[in-house]
Amino acid sequence: MSIYANKPQITPLGGGQTAHSVNVCFQNGDKTVSLYCDDSTGGMKVLGRCDIDLMRGTRGEATGCSSEVFGDMSPIPATLENFEKAMMWLKQTSWGFDAQ
């Protein structure tokens, strides 16, 4: 399993204000849990608005598969409960009868 982060993004909004975001990924084989955090287009003092996304495939060709675990929920808020569920999905190697 590996962990990587994309470079933080800083977006000028005009009037001297900026928006900030960062994306941290947890990868296990062809499965990735993406944690995206931003400051609500500059409205927060911290990167406090966070979402989770699940993907299968390689970095350049990954497809979203969050609905397999979270159903139709979109976006998936990055709560501790949702993050734990995402990490369980990441660690599983198969969805056989013994999967918990």
Protein backbone atom coordinates (compact mmCIF):
# COMPACT_ATOMS: atom_id res chain seq x y z
CA MET A 1 0.00 0.00 0.00
CA SER A 2 1.27 3.49 -0.76
CA ILE A 3 0.25 7.03 0.12
CA TYR A 4 0.84 10.05 -2.10
CA ALA A 5 -0.44 13.59 -2.43
CA ASN A 6 -0.87 15.71 -5.48
CA LYS A 7 0.62 19.20 -5.30
CA PRO A 8 -1.64 21.66 -3.45
CA GLN A 9 -3.69 23.87 -5.71
CA ILE A 10 -3.96 27.59 -5.11
CA THR A 11 -6.56 29.36 -7.23
CA PRO A 12 -6.68 33.18 -7.41
CA LEU A 13 -10.25 34.41 -6.87
CA GLY A 14 -9.65 38.12 -7.41
CA GLY A 15 -9.58 40.91 -4.87
CA GLY A 16 -6.53 39.37 -3.21
CA GLN A 17 -8.41 36.21 -2.18
CA THR A 18 -7.36 32.67 -3.02
CA ALA A 19 -8.89 29.20 -2.80
CA HIS A 20 -6.81 26.24 -1.64
CA SER A 21 -7.19 22.50 -2.09
CA VAL A 22 -5.19 19.32 -1.65
CA ASN A 23 -5.73 15.70 -2.69
CA VAL A 24 -4.22 12.78 -0.74
CA CYS A 25 -4.47 9.25 -2.17
CA PHE A 26 -4.13 5.85 -0.52
CA GLN A 27 -3.38 3.17 -3.11
CA ASN A 28 -3.42 -0.62 -2.89
CA GLY A 29 -2.85 -2.35 -6.23
CA ASP A 30 -5.37 -0.95 -8.70
CA LYS A 31 -7.63 0.45 -5.95
CA THR A 32 -7.36 4.04 -4.69
CA VAL A 33 -9.08 5.99 -1.93
CA SER A 34 -8.89 9.71 -2.70
CA LEU A 35 -9.34 12.28 0.07
CA TYR A 36 -9.96 15.76 -1.37
CA CYS A 37 -9.97 18.77 0.97
CA ASP A 38 -10.59 22.43 0.20
CA ASP A 39 -11.35 25.69 1.96
CA SER A 40 -14.74 26.26 0.29
CA THR A 41 -13.33 28.72 -2.28
CA GLY A 42 -11.47 30.68 0.35
CA GLY A 43 -14.36 30.86 2.83
CA MET A 44 -12.69 28.79 5.56
CA LYS A 45 -9.47 29.28 7.49
CA VAL A 46 -8.61 25.56 7.16
CA LEU A 47 -9.11 22.93 4.46
CA GLY A 48 -12.22 21.79 6.30
CA ARG A 49 -14.51 20.66 3.48
CA CYS A 50 -13.45 17.11 2.56
CA ASP A 51 -14.84 14.38 0.31
CA ILE A 52 -13.88 10.75 -0.36
CA ASP A 53 -13.82 9.04 -3.74
CA LEU A 54 -13.03 5.40 -4.58
CA MET A 55 -11.37 4.44 -7.87
CA ARG A 56 -10.11 1.38 -9.71
CA GLY A 57 -7.39 1.40 -12.35
CA THR A 58 -4.12 3.20 -12.90
CA ARG A 59 -3.56 6.89 -12.16
CA GLY A 60 -4.15 8.04 -15.72
CA GLU A 61 -7.05 5.70 -16.41
CA ALA A 62 -8.87 5.23 -13.09
CA THR A 63 -12.65 5.03 -13.01
CA GLY A 64 -14.82 5.94 -10.05
CA CYS A 65 -16.48 3.12 -8.16
CA SER A 66 -17.68 4.81 -4.95
CA SER A 67 -21.24 3.62 -5.55
CA GLU A 68 -20.09 0.00 -4.96
CA VAL A 69 -19.49 0.87 -1.31
CA PHE A 70 -21.54 4.00 -0.63
CA GLY A 71 -24.53 3.59 -2.95
CA ASP A 72 -25.88 6.75 -4.56
CA MET A 73 -24.35 9.12 -1.97
CA SER A 74 -22.54 11.93 -3.76
CA PRO A 75 -20.37 13.61 -2.74
CA ILE A 76 -19.21 11.29 0.03
CA PRO A 77 -18.41 13.41 3.10
CA ALA A 78 -15.08 12.54 4.72
CA THR A 79 -16.39 11.48 8.11
CA LEU A 80 -14.41 9.04 10.24
CA GLU A 81 -17.08 6.38 9.63
CA ASN A 82 -16.94 6.83 5.84
CA PHE A 83 -13.13 6.88 5.85
CA GLU A 84 -13.00 3.63 7.83
CA LYS A 85 -15.42 2.02 5.35
CA ALA A 86 -13.30 3.25 2.42
CA MET A 87 -10.12 1.87 3.98
CA MET A 88 -11.77 -1.52 4.57
CA TRP A 89 -12.67 -1.56 0.85
CA LEU A 90 -9.08 -0.62 -0.03
CA LYS A 91 -7.61 -3.46 2.04
CA GLN A 92 -9.94 -6.18 0.71
CA THR A 93 -8.57 -8.31 -2.08
CA SER A 94 -11.90 -9.97 -2.95
CA TRP A 95 -15.59 -9.61 -2.18
CA GLY A 96 -16.14 -13.32 -1.43
CA PHE A 97 -18.49 -14.77 1.16
CA ASP A 98 -15.94 -14.19 3.92
CA ALA A 99 -15.71 -10.42 3.27
CA GLN A 100 -16.78 -8.30 6.23
